Protein backbone atom coordinates (compact mmCIF):
# COMPACT_ATOMS: atom_id res chain seq x y z
CA UNK A 1 -54.12 -105.22 105.08
CA UNK A 2 -54.94 -103.85 101.71
CA UNK A 3 -54.61 -100.33 102.55
CA UNK A 4 -51.28 -101.28 104.44
CA UNK A 5 -49.96 -102.97 101.27
CA UNK A 6 -51.12 -100.39 98.83
CA UNK A 7 -49.44 -97.47 100.68
CA UNK A 8 -45.99 -99.48 101.55
CA UNK A 9 -45.83 -100.25 97.64
CA UNK A 10 -46.77 -96.24 97.09
CA UNK A 11 -44.10 -94.77 99.25
CA UNK A 12 -41.29 -97.47 97.90
CA UNK A 13 -42.19 -96.87 94.47
CA UNK A 14 -41.87 -92.97 94.43
CA UNK A 15 -38.63 -93.28 96.85
CA UNK A 16 -36.91 -95.63 94.36
CA UNK A 17 -38.28 -93.92 91.18
CA UNK A 18 -35.69 -91.22 91.42
CA UNK A 19 -33.21 -92.87 93.86
CA UNK A 20 -34.59 -90.86 96.90
CA UNK A 21 -33.24 -87.59 95.20
CA UNK A 22 -34.74 -86.61 91.93
CA UNK A 23 -38.54 -86.03 92.34
CA UNK A 24 -40.81 -85.03 89.61
CA UNK A 25 -40.88 -81.62 90.87
CA UNK A 26 -37.52 -81.22 90.88
CA UNK A 27 -37.12 -82.53 87.22
CA UNK A 28 -39.67 -79.98 86.26
CA UNK A 29 -37.67 -76.84 88.12
CA UNK A 30 -34.54 -77.96 86.30
CA UNK A 31 -36.20 -78.12 82.82
CA UNK A 32 -37.58 -74.48 83.49
CA UNK A 33 -33.82 -73.47 83.23
CA UNK A 34 -33.42 -75.12 80.03
CA UNK A 35 -33.84 -74.81 76.49
CA UNK A 36 -35.11 -77.56 74.07
CA UNK A 37 -31.72 -78.81 73.03
CA UNK A 38 -30.13 -78.68 76.60
CA UNK A 39 -33.23 -80.33 77.89
CA UNK A 40 -32.60 -83.29 75.59
CA UNK A 41 -28.98 -83.67 76.50
CA UNK A 42 -29.84 -82.99 80.15
CA UNK A 43 -32.84 -85.60 80.66
CA UNK A 44 -32.02 -88.28 77.85
CA UNK A 45 -29.78 -90.50 80.27
CA UNK A 46 -32.25 -90.41 83.36
CA UNK A 47 -35.36 -91.22 80.99
CA UNK A 48 -33.56 -93.73 79.11
CA UNK A 49 -32.55 -95.36 82.39
CA UNK A 50 -36.13 -95.58 83.22
CA UNK A 51 -36.85 -97.14 80.08
CA UNK A 52 -34.30 -99.90 80.45
CA UNK A 53 -35.84 -100.51 83.88
CA UNK A 54 -39.29 -101.05 82.76
CA UNK A 55 -37.74 -104.10 80.28
CA UNK A 56 -36.54 -105.59 83.38
CA UNK A 57 -37.35 -108.22 85.91
CA UNK A 58 -40.12 -109.92 83.31
CA UNK A 59 -38.63 -113.57 84.14
CA UNK A 60 -36.59 -115.33 86.70
CA UNK A 61 -37.29 -118.68 85.40
CA UNK A 62 -38.20 -120.76 82.43
CA UNK A 63 -40.47 -123.16 84.32
CA UNK A 64 -43.93 -121.62 83.95
CA UNK A 65 -47.05 -121.94 86.60
CA UNK A 66 -49.38 -124.69 86.65
CA UNK A 67 -53.15 -123.36 85.93
CA UNK A 68 -54.00 -120.80 88.24
CA UNK A 69 -50.57 -120.89 90.06
CA UNK A 70 -49.09 -117.66 90.41
CA UNK A 71 -46.08 -115.22 91.64
CA UNK A 72 -46.47 -111.67 93.55
CA UNK A 73 -43.12 -110.21 92.69
CA UNK A 74 -41.45 -106.90 93.40
CA UNK A 75 -38.32 -106.05 91.51
CA UNK A 76 -35.76 -103.40 92.09
CA UNK A 77 -34.12 -102.66 88.38
CA UNK A 78 -30.98 -100.54 88.33
CA UNK A 79 -29.82 -99.17 84.97
CA UNK A 80 -26.16 -98.80 85.44
CA UNK A 81 -24.60 -94.95 84.39
CA UNK A 82 -21.64 -94.88 82.51
CA UNK A 83 -19.19 -91.79 82.46
CA UNK A 84 -20.70 -90.77 79.12
CA UNK A 85 -24.26 -90.62 80.75
CA UNK A 86 -22.87 -88.07 82.87
CA UNK A 87 -22.03 -85.18 80.61
CA UNK A 88 -23.43 -83.86 77.53
CA UNK A 89 -21.88 -80.92 74.86
CA UNK A 90 -24.19 -77.73 74.71
CA UNK A 91 -24.01 -76.02 71.70
CA UNK A 92 -24.71 -72.46 72.49
CA UNK A 93 -26.22 -69.81 70.55
CA UNK A 94 -24.63 -67.55 68.20
CA UNK A 95 -25.80 -64.52 70.67
CA UNK A 96 -27.08 -64.27 74.03
CA UNK A 97 -28.85 -61.00 75.97
CA UNK A 98 -28.47 -60.47 79.58
CA UNK A 99 -29.05 -57.52 81.72
CA UNK A 100 -25.99 -55.43 82.43
CA UNK A 101 -26.71 -55.85 86.16
CA UNK A 102 -26.81 -59.55 86.02
CA UNK A 103 -22.86 -59.69 84.56
CA UNK A 104 -22.32 -57.30 87.59
CA UNK A 105 -21.61 -54.52 85.25
CA UNK A 106 -22.27 -51.06 87.18
CA UNK A 107 -22.68 -47.58 85.72
CA UNK A 108 -25.75 -48.43 83.49
CA UNK A 109 -29.27 -47.75 83.69
CA UNK A 110 -31.48 -50.45 85.30
CA UNK A 111 -32.93 -51.53 82.16
CA UNK A 112 -29.67 -51.54 80.05
CA UNK A 113 -29.12 -55.10 78.41
CA UNK A 114 -25.72 -56.24 77.04
CA UNK A 115 -25.77 -58.58 73.53
CA UNK A 116 -22.70 -60.80 73.58
CA UNK A 117 -21.76 -63.25 70.94
CA UNK A 118 -19.96 -66.67 70.84
CA UNK A 119 -18.63 -65.64 67.04
CA UNK A 120 -16.78 -63.07 65.44
CA UNK A 121 -13.04 -61.72 65.82
CA UNK A 122 -14.09 -61.05 69.67
CA UNK A 123 -16.18 -63.55 70.78
CA UNK A 124 -17.53 -63.01 74.61
CA UNK A 125 -18.60 -66.43 75.38
CA UNK A 126 -17.47 -70.06 73.93
CA UNK A 127 -19.30 -71.47 71.28
CA UNK A 128 -20.00 -74.67 73.42
CA UNK A 129 -19.56 -75.87 76.85
CA UNK A 130 -19.66 -79.24 78.75
CA UNK A 131 -22.35 -79.71 81.20
CA UNK A 132 -23.92 -82.22 83.56
CA UNK A 133 -26.89 -84.65 82.60
CA UNK A 134 -29.52 -85.40 85.07
CA UNK A 135 -27.70 -88.18 86.49
CA UNK A 136 -24.27 -86.33 86.59
CA UNK A 137 -22.82 -84.70 89.56
CA UNK A 138 -24.68 -82.11 91.58
CA UNK A 139 -22.39 -78.78 90.45
CA UNK A 140 -23.74 -76.22 88.42
CA UNK A 141 -22.05 -75.34 85.23
CA UNK A 142 -21.54 -71.61 84.68
CA UNK A 143 -21.02 -70.14 81.14
CA UNK A 144 -18.49 -67.32 81.70
CA UNK A 145 -17.14 -64.51 79.55
CA UNK A 146 -13.65 -64.79 77.88
CA UNK A 147 -10.95 -62.54 77.72
CA UNK A 148 -11.18 -59.80 74.95
CA UNK A 149 -14.79 -60.43 74.36
CA UNK A 150 -16.96 -57.19 73.76
CA UNK A 151 -20.97 -56.60 73.86
CA UNK A 152 -23.54 -54.50 72.26
CA UNK A 153 -25.05 -52.17 75.39
CA UNK A 154 -28.32 -51.29 74.81
CA UNK A 155 -31.15 -49.23 76.44
CA UNK A 156 -34.61 -50.98 75.47
CA UNK A 157 -34.11 -50.59 71.34
CA UNK A 158 -31.49 -47.81 71.47
CA UNK A 159 -28.01 -48.85 71.00
CA UNK A 160 -25.56 -47.27 73.30
CA UNK A 161 -22.58 -48.37 71.86
CA UNK A 162 -19.93 -51.20 71.95
CA UNK A 163 -18.01 -52.13 75.13
CA UNK A 164 -15.26 -54.56 75.96
CA UNK A 165 -16.37 -57.28 78.55
CA UNK A 166 -14.19 -58.35 81.45
CA UNK A 167 -13.40 -61.98 81.71
CA UNK A 168 -15.05 -64.74 83.83
CA UNK A 169 -18.35 -62.91 84.36
CA UNK A 170 -20.98 -65.56 84.94
CA UNK A 171 -23.62 -65.01 81.96
CA UNK A 172 -25.88 -68.01 83.44
CA UNK A 173 -25.49 -71.23 85.10
CA UNK A 174 -26.67 -74.62 83.75
CA UNK A 175 -28.08 -76.95 86.46
CA UNK A 176 -26.45 -79.85 87.96
CA UNK A 177 -27.73 -83.33 88.00
CA UNK A 178 -28.73 -85.68 91.09
CA UNK A 179 -25.32 -87.45 91.35
CA UNK A 180 -26.72 -90.80 90.77
CA UNK A 181 -23.83 -92.40 89.67
CA UNK A 182 -22.58 -92.12 93.68
CA UNK A 183 -25.79 -93.35 95.35
CA UNK A 184 -26.33 -97.05 96.35
CA UNK A 185 -25.44 -99.19 93.46
CA UNK A 186 -24.78 -96.35 90.91
CA UNK A 187 -27.42 -96.20 88.57
CA UNK A 188 -30.95 -95.20 87.52
CA UNK A 189 -33.39 -97.10 89.76
CA UNK A 190 -37.19 -98.30 89.41
CA UNK A 191 -39.44 -100.44 91.24
CA UNK A 192 -41.49 -102.92 89.29
CA UNK A 193 -44.08 -104.97 90.84
CA UNK A 194 -45.66 -107.95 88.92
CA UNK A 195 -48.42 -110.32 89.17
CA UNK A 196 -48.01 -113.74 87.25
CA UNK A 197 -50.94 -116.28 86.59
CA UNK A 198 -50.92 -119.64 85.09
CA UNK A 199 -53.42 -120.40 82.17
CA UNK A 200 -54.11 -123.62 80.09
CA UNK A 201 -52.29 -124.86 77.11
CA UNK A 202 -48.52 -123.61 78.72
CA UNK A 203 -49.46 -120.24 78.71
CA UNK A 204 -48.71 -117.42 81.45
CA UNK A 205 -50.15 -114.02 81.77
CA UNK A 206 -48.17 -111.29 83.60
CA UNK A 207 -49.54 -107.90 84.96
CA UNK A 208 -47.65 -104.83 86.24
CA UNK A 209 -49.84 -101.98 87.75
CA UNK A 210 -49.15 -99.37 90.31
CA UNK A 211 -52.41 -97.33 91.12
CA UNK A 212 -52.13 -93.65 90.72
CA UNK A 213 -49.90 -92.50 93.67
CA UNK A 214 -50.38 -88.75 94.23
CA UNK A 215 -47.53 -87.13 96.73
CA UNK A 216 -46.57 -83.53 97.34
CA UNK A 217 -44.11 -84.22 94.48
CA UNK A 218 -46.01 -85.53 91.92
CA UNK A 219 -48.16 -88.34 90.70
CA UNK A 220 -46.91 -91.70 89.25
CA UNK A 221 -48.52 -94.47 87.49
CA UNK A 222 -47.25 -97.61 85.73
CA UNK A 223 -49.21 -100.41 84.10
CA UNK A 224 -48.17 -103.33 81.64
CA UNK A 225 -49.49 -106.54 80.24
CA UNK A 226 -47.52 -109.62 78.83
CA UNK A 227 -47.81 -113.43 77.89
CA UNK A 228 -45.15 -116.26 78.19
CA UNK A 229 -45.62 -119.55 76.51
CA UNK A 230 -44.00 -123.07 77.25
CA UNK A 231 -41.66 -124.30 74.41
CA UNK A 232 -40.08 -127.31 76.37
CA UNK A 233 -43.63 -129.04 76.37
CA UNK A 234 -43.13 -129.76 72.79
CA UNK A 235 -39.72 -131.71 73.62
CA UNK A 236 -40.10 -134.63 75.86
CA UNK A 237 -37.25 -135.27 78.17
CA UNK A 238 -36.03 -131.97 77.65
CA UNK A 239 -33.37 -131.27 80.49
CA UNK A 240 -34.01 -127.78 80.68
CA UNK A 241 -36.98 -125.32 80.83
CA UNK A 242 -37.54 -123.06 77.69
CA UNK A 243 -39.99 -120.16 77.28
CA UNK A 244 -40.75 -117.25 75.08
CA UNK A 245 -42.17 -113.94 76.57
CA UNK A 246 -43.65 -110.60 75.38
CA UNK A 247 -44.45 -107.70 77.59
CA UNK A 248 -45.44 -103.94 76.75
CA UNK A 249 -45.87 -101.27 79.73
CA UNK A 250 -46.44 -97.52 80.41
CA UNK A 251 -45.12 -95.40 82.98
CA UNK A 252 -46.58 -91.77 83.39
CA UNK A 253 -45.26 -88.98 86.03
CA UNK A 254 -47.29 -85.95 86.49
CA UNK A 255 -46.29 -82.86 88.66
CA UNK A 256 -47.92 -81.92 91.93
CA UNK A 257 -50.23 -79.57 89.81
CA UNK A 258 -51.06 -82.37 87.54
CA UNK A 259 -49.27 -81.20 84.78
CA UNK A 260 -47.87 -83.87 82.50
CA UNK A 261 -43.88 -83.98 82.94
CA UNK A 262 -43.28 -87.71 80.95
CA UNK A 263 -44.84 -90.61 79.60
CA UNK A 264 -42.57 -93.95 79.10
CA UNK A 265 -43.63 -96.61 76.88
CA UNK A 266 -41.75 -99.87 76.83
CA UNK A 267 -41.70 -103.31 74.63
CA UNK A 268 -40.03 -106.41 75.08
CA UNK A 269 -40.02 -109.62 73.55
CA UNK A 270 -37.48 -112.93 74.00
CA UNK A 271 -36.65 -116.28 74.81
CA UNK A 272 -35.35 -117.61 78.40
CA UNK A 273 -33.85 -121.08 79.50
CA UNK A 274 -33.47 -122.56 82.99
CA UNK A 275 -32.33 -125.35 85.23
CA UNK A 276 -33.84 -126.17 88.69
CA UNK A 277 -31.17 -127.71 91.25
CA UNK A 278 -33.09 -128.33 94.22
CA UNK A 279 -34.30 -124.65 95.47
CA UNK A 280 -31.82 -123.27 93.34
CA UNK A 281 -32.76 -122.06 89.45
CA UNK A 282 -30.18 -120.73 87.12
CA UNK A 283 -31.82 -118.88 84.16
CA UNK A 284 -30.45 -116.82 81.53
CA UNK A 285 -32.13 -115.22 78.48
CA UNK A 286 -31.91 -113.25 75.33
CA UNK A 287 -34.27 -110.28 74.53
CA UNK A 288 -35.05 -107.78 71.88
CA UNK A 289 -36.68 -104.48 73.26
CA UNK A 290 -37.40 -100.62 72.81
CA UNK A 291 -38.50 -97.78 74.78
CA UNK A 292 -39.82 -94.39 73.80
CA UNK A 293 -39.95 -91.33 76.66
CA UNK A 294 -41.81 -88.54 75.77
CA UNK A 295 -41.24 -85.45 77.59
CA UNK A 296 -44.37 -82.91 77.63
CA UNK A 297 -44.11 -79.22 76.90
CA UNK A 298 -42.66 -76.99 79.32
CA UNK A 299 -41.85 -73.60 80.07
CA UNK A 300 -38.06 -73.26 79.50
CA UNK A 301 -35.25 -70.67 79.16
CA UNK A 302 -34.54 -69.24 76.01
CA UNK A 303 -30.38 -68.37 75.96
CA UNK A 304 -30.89 -65.61 73.08
CA UNK A 305 -33.02 -63.41 75.09
CA UNK A 306 -32.67 -64.43 78.77
CA UNK A 307 -36.54 -64.80 78.98
CA UNK A 308 -38.90 -67.69 79.78
CA UNK A 309 -40.53 -69.27 76.86
CA UNK A 310 -42.71 -72.26 76.02
CA UNK A 311 -40.59 -75.26 74.80
CA UNK A 312 -42.16 -78.11 72.92
CA UNK A 313 -41.84 -81.54 74.09
CA UNK A 314 -39.76 -84.28 72.55
CA UNK A 315 -39.17 -87.85 72.49
CA UNK A 316 -36.16 -89.89 73.35
CA UNK A 317 -35.69 -93.49 72.59
CA UNK A 318 -33.95 -95.74 75.24
CA UNK A 319 -30.28 -96.94 74.39
CA UNK A 320 -30.80 -100.66 74.80
CA UNK A 321 -32.26 -102.47 71.62
CA UNK A 322 -31.08 -105.98 73.15
CA UNK A 323 -30.06 -107.79 76.12
CA UNK A 324 -28.36 -111.03 77.42
CA UNK A 325 -29.40 -111.84 80.99
CA UNK A 326 -27.86 -114.53 83.48
CA UNK A 327 -29.33 -114.82 86.94
CA UNK A 328 -30.36 -116.99 89.71
CA UNK A 329 -33.63 -117.75 91.69
CA UNK A 330 -33.87 -119.36 95.43
CA UNK A 331 -36.99 -120.76 96.23
CA UNK A 332 -37.76 -121.36 99.95
CA UNK A 333 -41.17 -122.73 100.26
CA UNK A 334 -43.12 -120.31 98.78
CA UNK A 335 -40.93 -117.25 99.02
CA UNK A 336 -39.20 -116.42 95.78
CA UNK A 337 -35.75 -114.40 95.95
CA UNK A 338 -33.97 -113.48 92.40
CA UNK A 339 -31.18 -111.70 91.16
CA UNK A 340 -30.06 -111.17 87.47
CA UNK A 341 -27.68 -108.98 85.40
CA UNK A 342 -28.32 -107.79 82.03
CA UNK A 343 -25.80 -107.09 79.49
CA UNK A 344 -26.85 -104.32 77.19
CA UNK A 345 -26.06 -100.69 75.91
CA UNK A 346 -26.35 -100.03 79.91
CA UNK A 347 -26.20 -102.77 81.59
CA UNK A 348 -28.91 -103.58 84.23
CA UNK A 349 -28.82 -105.17 87.79
CA UNK A 350 -32.11 -106.45 89.04
CA UNK A 351 -33.11 -107.66 92.41
CA UNK A 352 -36.55 -109.14 93.42
CA UNK A 353 -38.25 -111.04 96.05
CA UNK A 354 -41.92 -112.28 96.33
CA UNK A 355 -44.18 -115.19 96.96
CA UNK A 356 -44.91 -117.94 94.63
CA UNK A 357 -47.72 -120.95 94.31
CA UNK A 358 -46.73 -123.34 91.38
């Protein structure tokens, strides 16, 4: 039974982690086609979305458990995607060097290169381009030459001269996204399992843990810890339940070759209120939060030379700084079903189910 449960969680987690489309290996391969500036613009929405998801599903009632009462719950959080998340503007370098053969220019020796420019009186390509992010559509975005452009023709270090470049030749193509906005409920999804245990003195401890899951696509882990405290115990005859919470957690993703791809750290603290109406509980809350997402070093693309280079990793901060949540829970004996919607920079829909012993 333990093996079956662990395997089910593993398969479910990996599948939903990237919406059934984008795997860690996919992301790594796409990054190899991008330089640092492009990688930041490309990955920011999907990494920020996972950070928003981690800070979701922490509570679904302000009525804390009795001592040794517990919940075992699995939530699916989906950070909504806005139109602004689907595109980013990439400023192209002042010059780029490509092989003449890659441009489709014939009549030159095999090693002949063409140095193109985005500035001057006869620019050969635009200074910037609007590209798709990792959550955008799947279409590649070509960077093409423009009419009237010129290029410096070289063979090794020898300059052969300057030549006009035909328009609409593809210099290179930027990768498309995973079209997450059109998949399912239109967001960046993440599955979040949680165990909650009641303690004395109106305290409750929360734990999140997915053991290292290794597949052909990569290795994923997630772990976190949190506390909740019962506020309404100090107010006799209080008509509603009130609690405060704190949660911190860390998620990592490695490639199939055990190379770090990214690490996400999230922290949240807030207050929630709920009212039980027979088997239905209505709840809401306000939360302050943060998420930092670190993309590890990788081998990327140098737009200026057209060669692969080492690219230093970078950190992205999640867009959500606070959220207001409204939701409802249905408790059928020991079966717990809940759904809530959080209003924030990127709104988050959370659906969950589990068992509870009060």
